[in-house]
Every structure is written in structure tokens, then in C-alpha cells.
Amino acid sequence: MPRRRLIYTFDGIVDGVGGNKAAAELLDVTPSMMSRWRKAGRFPAKSMERIQAELARKDASAVRGLFDFDPPREHDDEPKRAKRA
């Protein structure tokens, strides 16, 4: 049985599933969301199952590190406040 091709980059995943439009459709997101994920260099963890299934159809697999399993940090979108001296 041939070995699956292992993908190590965000762009490798996008190319592996058929391009940016195909990846956005696979994950049911907008192209702008794909751009945000590309900037971060990782997909959200919830997308791993769909991506891995699509890649498996093409004899490929992506490394786990390309998926963000860290929980969102509390107050991430609040502005940083200066500490008082």
C-alpha cells in the first residue's frame, strides 16, 4: 500500500484540496475568512476532520500542527491597557 503524502504547510493544504475557493467551499466559509486563517498560518481545530477526509481521498494527510487547538484567550479583542506604576 502506498504511503500518503504528508502536508506541512497551510498553502499545501489549500493546494491539496483544490485551491482557495475549493477550501472555502469545503469548510463553508468566505474567502476573507480563508485569508485570516492564512495570515495565522493555521486552520481552526473544528476544520480538521473535513480537511483530513478530503486530503485522504487524494492520498494525502496534513500534520496536526496546522490546526489551532488552543482555546481562545479571554479578552483577546479588548484593547491592551497600560499598567499603572
PDB file of N, CA and C in Angstrom:
ATOM      1  N   MET A   1       0.843  -1.184   0.000  1.00  0.00           N
ATOM      2  CA  MET A   1       0.000   0.000   0.000  1.00  0.00           C
ATOM      3  C   MET A   1       0.889   1.248   0.000  1.00  0.00           C
ATOM      4  N   PRO A   2       0.639   2.198  -0.915  1.00  0.00           N
ATOM      5  CA  PRO A   2       1.477   3.401  -0.979  1.00  0.00           C
ATOM      6  C   PRO A   2       1.276   4.291   0.240  1.00  0.00           C
ATOM      7  N   ARG A   3       2.327   4.997   0.581  1.00  0.00           N
ATOM      8  CA  ARG A   3       2.262   5.918   1.719  1.00  0.00           C
ATOM      9  C   ARG A   3       1.586   7.212   1.306  1.00  0.00           C
ATOM     10  N   ARG A   4       0.853   7.782   2.240  1.00  0.00           N
ATOM     11  CA  ARG A   4       0.206   9.069   1.981  1.00  0.00           C
ATOM     12  C   ARG A   4       1.240  10.181   1.984  1.00  0.00           C
ATOM     13  N   ARG A   5       0.995  11.161   1.146  1.00  0.00           N
ATOM     14  CA  ARG A   5       1.843  12.357   1.106  1.00  0.00           C
ATOM     15  C   ARG A   5       1.489  13.201   2.330  1.00  0.00           C
ATOM     16  N   LEU A   6       2.490  13.613   3.076  1.00  0.00           N
ATOM     17  CA  LEU A   6       2.271  14.402   4.282  1.00  0.00           C
ATOM     18  C   LEU A   6       2.454  15.885   3.966  1.00  0.00           C
ATOM     19  N   ILE A   7       1.478  16.685   4.343  1.00  0.00           N
ATOM     20  CA  ILE A   7       1.495  18.124   4.059  1.00  0.00           C
ATOM     21  C   ILE A   7       1.885  18.877   5.326  1.00  0.00           C
ATOM     22  N   TYR A   8       2.838  19.807   5.168  1.00  0.00           N
ATOM     23  CA  TYR A   8       3.404  20.525   6.312  1.00  0.00           C
ATOM     24  C   TYR A   8       3.079  22.017   6.340  1.00  0.00           C
ATOM     25  N   THR A   9       2.352  22.534   5.346  1.00  0.00           N
ATOM     26  CA  THR A   9       2.099  23.979   5.300  1.00  0.00           C
ATOM     27  C   THR A   9       0.625  24.276   5.056  1.00  0.00           C
ATOM     28  N   PHE A  10       0.206  25.457   5.461  1.00  0.00           N
ATOM     29  CA  PHE A  10      -1.157  25.923   5.218  1.00  0.00           C
ATOM     30  C   PHE A  10      -1.442  25.923   3.726  1.00  0.00           C
ATOM     31  N   ASP A  11      -0.519  26.511   2.947  1.00  0.00           N
ATOM     32  CA  ASP A  11      -0.720  26.564   1.498  1.00  0.00           C
ATOM     33  C   ASP A  11      -0.748  25.167   0.886  1.00  0.00           C
ATOM     34  N   GLY A  12      -0.003  24.245   1.460  1.00  0.00           N
ATOM     35  CA  GLY A  12      -0.032  22.868   0.984  1.00  0.00           C
ATOM     36  C   GLY A  12      -1.410  22.247   1.149  1.00  0.00           C
ATOM     37  N   ILE A  13      -2.071  22.555   2.258  1.00  0.00           N
ATOM     38  CA  ILE A  13      -3.436  22.062   2.475  1.00  0.00           C
ATOM     39  C   ILE A  13      -4.370  22.668   1.429  1.00  0.00           C
ATOM     40  N   VAL A  14      -4.288  23.989   1.255  1.00  0.00           N
ATOM     41  CA  VAL A  14      -5.159  24.673   0.301  1.00  0.00           C
ATOM     42  C   VAL A  14      -4.969  24.086  -1.094  1.00  0.00           C
ATOM     43  N   ASP A  15      -3.722  23.922  -1.500  1.00  0.00           N
ATOM     44  CA  ASP A  15      -3.448  23.320  -2.809  1.00  0.00           C
ATOM     45  C   ASP A  15      -3.959  21.881  -2.865  1.00  0.00           C
ATOM     46  N   GLY A  16      -3.797  21.156  -1.770  1.00  0.00           N
ATOM     47  CA  GLY A  16      -4.183  19.756  -1.716  1.00  0.00           C
ATOM     48  C   GLY A  16      -5.677  19.515  -1.852  1.00  0.00           C
ATOM     49  N   VAL A  17      -6.483  20.477  -1.408  1.00  0.00           N
ATOM     50  CA  VAL A  17      -7.934  20.304  -1.532  1.00  0.00           C
ATOM     51  C   VAL A  17      -8.484  20.956  -2.796  1.00  0.00           C
ATOM     52  N   GLY A  18      -7.619  21.585  -3.581  1.00  0.00           N
ATOM     53  CA  GLY A  18      -8.066  22.124  -4.867  1.00  0.00           C
ATOM     54  C   GLY A  18      -8.052  23.628  -4.996  1.00  0.00           C
ATOM     55  N   GLY A  19      -7.391  24.328  -4.084  1.00  0.00           N
ATOM     56  CA  GLY A  19      -7.284  25.782  -4.186  1.00  0.00           C
ATOM     57  C   GLY A  19      -8.111  26.503  -3.139  1.00  0.00           C
ATOM     58  N   ASN A  20      -7.950  27.831  -3.117  1.00  0.00           N
ATOM     59  CA  ASN A  20      -8.593  28.659  -2.099  1.00  0.00           C
ATOM     60  C   ASN A  20     -10.116  28.568  -2.159  1.00  0.00           C
ATOM     61  N   LYS A  21     -10.687  28.644  -3.356  1.00  0.00           N
ATOM     62  CA  LYS A  21     -12.141  28.576  -3.494  1.00  0.00           C
ATOM     63  C   LYS A  21     -12.670  27.213  -3.032  1.00  0.00           C
ATOM     64  N   ALA A  22     -12.002  26.146  -3.431  1.00  0.00           N
ATOM     65  CA  ALA A  22     -12.432  24.799  -3.034  1.00  0.00           C
ATOM     66  C   ALA A  22     -12.328  24.624  -1.519  1.00  0.00           C
ATOM     67  N   ALA A  23     -11.264  25.155  -0.920  1.00  0.00           N
ATOM     68  CA  ALA A  23     -11.093  25.046   0.532  1.00  0.00           C
ATOM     69  C   ALA A  23     -12.196  25.813   1.256  1.00  0.00           C
ATOM     70  N   ALA A  24     -12.508  27.021   0.780  1.00  0.00           N
ATOM     71  CA  ALA A  24     -13.567  27.829   1.397  1.00  0.00           C
ATOM     72  C   ALA A  24     -14.913  27.105   1.286  1.00  0.00           C
ATOM     73  N   GLU A  25     -15.184  26.510   0.133  1.00  0.00           N
ATOM     74  CA  GLU A  25     -16.443  25.776  -0.047  1.00  0.00           C
ATOM     75  C   GLU A  25     -16.490  24.533   0.835  1.00  0.00           C
ATOM     76  N   LEU A  26     -15.372  23.816   0.916  1.00  0.00           N
ATOM     77  CA  LEU A  26     -15.299  22.620   1.753  1.00  0.00           C
ATOM     78  C   LEU A  26     -15.629  22.943   3.212  1.00  0.00           C
ATOM     79  N   LEU A  27     -15.135  24.091   3.669  1.00  0.00           N
ATOM     80  CA  LEU A  27     -15.300  24.479   5.072  1.00  0.00           C
ATOM     81  C   LEU A  27     -16.474  25.420   5.302  1.00  0.00           C
ATOM     82  N   ASP A  28     -17.184  25.741   4.223  1.00  0.00           N
ATOM     83  CA  ASP A  28     -18.360  26.601   4.302  1.00  0.00           C
ATOM     84  C   ASP A  28     -18.028  27.949   4.946  1.00  0.00           C
ATOM     85  N   VAL A  29     -16.972  28.579   4.428  1.00  0.00           N
ATOM     86  CA  VAL A  29     -16.559  29.903   4.903  1.00  0.00           C
ATOM     87  C   VAL A  29     -16.341  30.820   3.706  1.00  0.00           C
ATOM     88  N   THR A  30     -16.188  32.097   3.989  1.00  0.00           N
ATOM     89  CA  THR A  30     -15.936  33.076   2.932  1.00  0.00           C
ATOM     90  C   THR A  30     -14.445  33.115   2.597  1.00  0.00           C
ATOM     91  N   PRO A  31     -14.108  33.599   1.398  1.00  0.00           N
ATOM     92  CA  PRO A  31     -12.692  33.766   1.066  1.00  0.00           C
ATOM     93  C   PRO A  31     -11.959  34.687   2.046  1.00  0.00           C
ATOM     94  N   SER A  32     -12.656  35.682   2.608  1.00  0.00           N
ATOM     95  CA  SER A  32     -11.983  36.564   3.572  1.00  0.00           C
ATOM     96  C   SER A  32     -11.616  35.811   4.848  1.00  0.00           C
ATOM     97  N   MET A  33     -12.445  34.847   5.242  1.00  0.00           N
ATOM     98  CA  MET A  33     -12.105  34.022   6.412  1.00  0.00           C
ATOM     99  C   MET A  33     -10.872  33.180   6.096  1.00  0.00           C
ATOM    100  N   MET A  34     -10.814  32.650   4.886  1.00  0.00           N
ATOM    101  CA  MET A  34      -9.634  31.884   4.479  1.00  0.00           C
ATOM    102  C   MET A  34      -8.382  32.762   4.563  1.00  0.00           C
ATOM    103  N   SER A  35      -8.514  34.024   4.171  1.00  0.00           N
ATOM    104  CA  SER A  35      -7.378  34.948   4.239  1.00  0.00           C
ATOM    105  C   SER A  35      -6.921  35.162   5.674  1.00  0.00           C
ATOM    106  N   ARG A  36      -7.863  35.266   6.605  1.00  0.00           N
ATOM    107  CA  ARG A  36      -7.489  35.430   8.015  1.00  0.00           C
ATOM    108  C   ARG A  36      -6.751  34.195   8.523  1.00  0.00           C
ATOM    109  N   TRP A  37      -7.264  33.028   8.155  1.00  0.00           N
ATOM    110  CA  TRP A  37      -6.598  31.793   8.583  1.00  0.00           C
ATOM    111  C   TRP A  37      -5.213  31.686   7.953  1.00  0.00           C
ATOM    112  N   ARG A  38      -5.104  32.093   6.681  1.00  0.00           N
ATOM    113  CA  ARG A  38      -3.793  32.046   6.002  1.00  0.00           C
ATOM    114  C   ARG A  38      -2.800  32.938   6.744  1.00  0.00           C
ATOM    115  N   LYS A  39      -3.256  34.111   7.160  1.00  0.00           N
ATOM    116  CA  LYS A  39      -2.376  35.035   7.893  1.00  0.00           C
ATOM    117  C   LYS A  39      -1.902  34.395   9.201  1.00  0.00           C
ATOM    118  N   ALA A  40      -2.803  33.674   9.871  1.00  0.00           N
ATOM    119  CA  ALA A  40      -2.447  32.989  11.117  1.00  0.00           C
ATOM    120  C   ALA A  40      -1.603  31.747  10.850  1.00  0.00           C
ATOM    121  N   GLY A  41      -1.723  31.199   9.637  1.00  0.00           N
ATOM    122  CA  GLY A  41      -0.946  30.020   9.273  1.00  0.00           C
ATOM    123  C   GLY A  41      -1.532  28.708   9.767  1.00  0.00           C
ATOM    124  N   ARG A  42      -2.746  28.767  10.308  1.00  0.00           N
ATOM    125  CA  ARG A  42      -3.393  27.546  10.825  1.00  0.00           C
ATOM    126  C   ARG A  42      -4.894  27.617  10.612  1.00  0.00           C
ATOM    127  N   PHE A  43      -5.480  26.444  10.506  1.00  0.00           N
ATOM    128  CA  PHE A  43      -6.928  26.316  10.425  1.00  0.00           C
ATOM    129  C   PHE A  43      -7.467  26.094  11.834  1.00  0.00           C
ATOM    130  N   PRO A  44      -8.724  26.451  12.090  1.00  0.00           N
ATOM    131  CA  PRO A  44      -9.302  26.119  13.391  1.00  0.00           C
ATOM    132  C   PRO A  44      -9.443  24.602  13.528  1.00  0.00           C
ATOM    133  N   ALA A  45      -9.360  24.122  14.743  1.00  0.00           N
ATOM    134  CA  ALA A  45      -9.411  22.683  15.002  1.00  0.00           C
ATOM    135  C   ALA A  45     -10.669  22.039  14.428  1.00  0.00           C
ATOM    136  N   LYS A  46     -11.786  22.763  14.473  1.00  0.00           N
ATOM    137  CA  LYS A  46     -13.042  22.183  14.005  1.00  0.00           C
ATOM    138  C   LYS A  46     -13.026  21.848  12.511  1.00  0.00           C
ATOM    139  N   SER A  47     -12.074  22.370  11.773  1.00  0.00           N
ATOM    140  CA  SER A  47     -11.993  22.101  10.335  1.00  0.00           C
ATOM    141  C   SER A  47     -11.148  20.866  10.007  1.00  0.00           C
ATOM    142  N   MET A  48     -10.465  20.323  11.003  1.00  0.00           N
ATOM    143  CA  MET A  48      -9.518  19.237  10.741  1.00  0.00           C
ATOM    144  C   MET A  48     -10.174  18.006  10.122  1.00  0.00           C
ATOM    145  N   GLU A  49     -11.305  17.598  10.636  1.00  0.00           N
ATOM    146  CA  GLU A  49     -11.943  16.372  10.146  1.00  0.00           C
ATOM    147  C   GLU A  49     -12.297  16.474   8.659  1.00  0.00           C
ATOM    148  N   ARG A  50     -12.898  17.584   8.265  1.00  0.00           N
ATOM    149  CA  ARG A  50     -13.261  17.764   6.850  1.00  0.00           C
ATOM    150  C   ARG A  50     -12.027  17.816   5.958  1.00  0.00           C
ATOM    151  N   ILE A  51     -11.032  18.562   6.405  1.00  0.00           N
ATOM    152  CA  ILE A  51      -9.819  18.696   5.599  1.00  0.00           C
ATOM    153  C   ILE A  51      -9.115  17.348   5.462  1.00  0.00           C
ATOM    154  N   GLN A  52      -8.941  16.655   6.572  1.00  0.00           N
ATOM    155  CA  GLN A  52      -8.235  15.367   6.511  1.00  0.00           C
ATOM    156  C   GLN A  52      -8.996  14.365   5.633  1.00  0.00           C
ATOM    157  N   ALA A  53     -10.325  14.381   5.691  1.00  0.00           N
ATOM    158  CA  ALA A  53     -11.120  13.471   4.859  1.00  0.00           C
ATOM    159  C   ALA A  53     -10.920  13.778   3.372  1.00  0.00           C
ATOM    160  N   GLU A  54     -10.923  15.065   3.032  1.00  0.00           N
ATOM    161  CA  GLU A  54     -10.718  15.452   1.625  1.00  0.00           C
ATOM    162  C   GLU A  54      -9.307  15.106   1.167  1.00  0.00           C
ATOM    163  N   LEU A  55      -8.321  15.362   2.015  1.00  0.00           N
ATOM    164  CA  LEU A  55      -6.942  15.026   1.656  1.00  0.00           C
ATOM    165  C   LEU A  55      -6.764  13.513   1.513  1.00  0.00           C
ATOM    166  N   ALA A  56      -7.424  12.736   2.357  1.00  0.00           N
ATOM    167  CA  ALA A  56      -7.311  11.274   2.305  1.00  0.00           C
ATOM    168  C   ALA A  56      -7.800  10.745   0.955  1.00  0.00           C
ATOM    169  N   ARG A  57      -8.829  11.390   0.398  1.00  0.00           N
ATOM    170  CA  ARG A  57      -9.312  10.994  -0.931  1.00  0.00           C
ATOM    171  C   ARG A  57      -8.232  11.167  -1.989  1.00  0.00           C
ATOM    172  N   LYS A  58      -7.251  12.008  -1.692  1.00  0.00           N
ATOM    173  CA  LYS A  58      -6.170  12.304  -2.638  1.00  0.00           C
ATOM    174  C   LYS A  58      -4.839  11.734  -2.156  1.00  0.00           C
ATOM    175  N   ASP A  59      -4.908  10.734  -1.284  1.00  0.00           N
ATOM    176  CA  ASP A  59      -3.718  10.078  -0.714  1.00  0.00           C
ATOM    177  C   ASP A  59      -2.762  11.047  -0.043  1.00  0.00           C
ATOM    178  N   ALA A  60      -3.327  11.959   0.740  1.00  0.00           N
ATOM    179  CA  ALA A  60      -2.516  12.926   1.473  1.00  0.00           C
ATOM    180  C   ALA A  60      -3.073  13.082   2.882  1.00  0.00           C
ATOM    181  N   SER A  61      -2.283  13.709   3.731  1.00  0.00           N
ATOM    182  CA  SER A  61      -2.663  13.991   5.106  1.00  0.00           C
ATOM    183  C   SER A  61      -1.880  15.216   5.563  1.00  0.00           C
ATOM    184  N   ALA A  62      -2.467  15.996   6.468  1.00  0.00           N
ATOM    185  CA  ALA A  62      -1.794  17.198   6.972  1.00  0.00           C
ATOM    186  C   ALA A  62      -1.340  16.978   8.410  1.00  0.00           C
ATOM    187  N   VAL A  63      -0.210  17.591   8.758  1.00  0.00           N
ATOM    188  CA  VAL A  63       0.287  17.482  10.129  1.00  0.00           C
ATOM    189  C   VAL A  63      -0.662  18.222  11.077  1.00  0.00           C
ATOM    190  N   ARG A  64      -0.780  17.715  12.279  1.00  0.00           N
ATOM    191  CA  ARG A  64      -1.713  18.253  13.277  1.00  0.00           C
ATOM    192  C   ARG A  64      -1.392  19.703  13.651  1.00  0.00           C
ATOM    193  N   GLY A  65      -0.147  20.091  13.567  1.00  0.00           N
ATOM    194  CA  GLY A  65       0.273  21.440  13.934  1.00  0.00           C
ATOM    195  C   GLY A  65      -0.319  22.537  13.070  1.00  0.00           C
ATOM    196  N   LEU A  66      -0.952  22.171  11.959  1.00  0.00           N
ATOM    197  CA  LEU A  66      -1.578  23.169  11.090  1.00  0.00           C
ATOM    198  C   LEU A  66      -3.003  23.506  11.512  1.00  0.00           C
ATOM    199  N   PHE A  67      -3.415  22.942  12.645  1.00  0.00           N
ATOM    200  CA  PHE A  67      -4.750  23.178  13.169  1.00  0.00           C
ATOM    201  C   PHE A  67      -4.626  23.750  14.571  1.00  0.00           C
ATOM    202  N   ASP A  68      -5.398  24.787  14.853  1.00  0.00           N
ATOM    203  CA  ASP A  68      -5.304  25.511  16.120  1.00  0.00           C
ATOM    204  C   ASP A  68      -6.202  24.867  17.170  1.00  0.00           C
ATOM    205  N   PHE A  69      -5.584  24.180  18.127  1.00  0.00           N
ATOM    206  CA  PHE A  69      -6.330  23.530  19.195  1.00  0.00           C
ATOM    207  C   PHE A  69      -6.321  24.345  20.484  1.00  0.00           C
ATOM    208  N   ASP A  70      -5.677  25.514  20.468  1.00  0.00           N
ATOM    209  CA  ASP A  70      -5.644  26.363  21.656  1.00  0.00           C
ATOM    210  C   ASP A  70      -6.979  27.060  21.832  1.00  0.00           C
ATOM    211  N   PRO A  71      -7.516  27.061  23.038  1.00  0.00           N
ATOM    212  CA  PRO A  71      -8.778  27.789  23.249  1.00  0.00           C
ATOM    213  C   PRO A  71      -8.537  29.291  23.102  1.00  0.00           C
ATOM    214  N   PRO A  72      -9.554  30.027  22.662  1.00  0.00           N
ATOM    215  CA  PRO A  72      -9.384  31.477  22.560  1.00  0.00           C
ATOM    216  C   PRO A  72      -9.056  32.054  23.932  1.00  0.00           C
ATOM    217  N   ARG A  73      -8.162  33.014  23.944  1.00  0.00           N
ATOM    218  CA  ARG A  73      -7.811  33.645  25.213  1.00  0.00           C
ATOM    219  C   ARG A  73      -8.884  34.638  25.606  1.00  0.00           C
ATOM    220  N   GLU A  74      -9.134  34.699  26.893  1.00  0.00           N
ATOM    221  CA  GLU A  74     -10.140  35.617  27.411  1.00  0.00           C
ATOM    222  C   GLU A  74      -9.731  37.050  27.117  1.00  0.00           C
ATOM    223  N   HIS A  75     -10.672  37.845  26.682  1.00  0.00           N
ATOM    224  CA  HIS A  75     -10.473  39.272  26.425  1.00  0.00           C
ATOM    225  C   HIS A  75      -9.482  39.539  25.301  1.00  0.00           C
ATOM    226  N   ASP A  76      -9.357  38.636  24.348  1.00  0.00           N
ATOM    227  CA  ASP A  76      -8.429  38.828  23.234  1.00  0.00           C
ATOM    228  C   ASP A  76      -8.749  40.057  22.398  1.00  0.00           C
ATOM    229  N   ASP A  77     -10.027  40.401  22.265  1.00  0.00           N
ATOM    230  CA  ASP A  77     -10.370  41.515  21.400  1.00  0.00           C
ATOM    231  C   ASP A  77     -10.474  42.843  22.130  1.00  0.00           C
ATOM    232  N   GLU A  78     -10.172  42.863  23.417  1.00  0.00           N
ATOM    233  CA  GLU A  78     -10.178  44.112  24.152  1.00  0.00           C
ATOM    234  C   GLU A  78      -8.832  44.795  23.987  1.00  0.00           C
ATOM    235  N   PRO A  79      -8.825  46.140  23.942  1.00  0.00           N
ATOM    236  CA  PRO A  79      -7.551  46.851  23.832  1.00  0.00           C
ATOM    237  C   PRO A  79      -6.693  46.622  25.079  1.00  0.00           C
ATOM    238  N   LYS A  80      -5.405  46.603  24.872  1.00  0.00           N
ATOM    239  CA  LYS A  80      -4.470  46.438  25.981  1.00  0.00           C
ATOM    240  C   LYS A  80      -4.428  47.728  26.795  1.00  0.00           C
ATOM    241  N   ARG A  81      -4.460  47.580  28.096  1.00  0.00           N
ATOM    242  CA  ARG A  81      -4.424  48.743  28.986  1.00  0.00           C
ATOM    243  C   ARG A  81      -3.046  48.859  29.603  1.00  0.00           C
ATOM    244  N   ALA A  82      -2.581  50.083  29.720  1.00  0.00           N
ATOM    245  CA  ALA A  82      -1.276  50.303  30.352  1.00  0.00           C
ATOM    246  C   ALA A  82      -1.372  50.054  31.837  1.00  0.00           C
ATOM    247  N   LYS A  83      -0.337  49.444  32.377  1.00  0.00           N
ATOM    248  CA  LYS A  83      -0.314  49.211  33.822  1.00  0.00           C
ATOM    249  C   LYS A  83       0.062  50.497  34.537  1.00  0.00           C
ATOM    250  N   ARG A  84      -0.543  50.690  35.697  1.00  0.00           N
ATOM    251  CA  ARG A  84      -0.201  51.876  36.496  1.00  0.00           C
ATOM    252  C   ARG A  84       1.080  51.614  37.268  1.00  0.00           C
ATOM    253  N   ALA A  85       1.867  52.634  37.384  1.00  0.00           N
ATOM    254  CA  ALA A  85       3.156  52.497  38.098  1.00  0.00           C
ATOM    255  C   ALA A  85       3.015  52.509  39.579  1.00  0.00           C
TER     256      ALA A  85
END
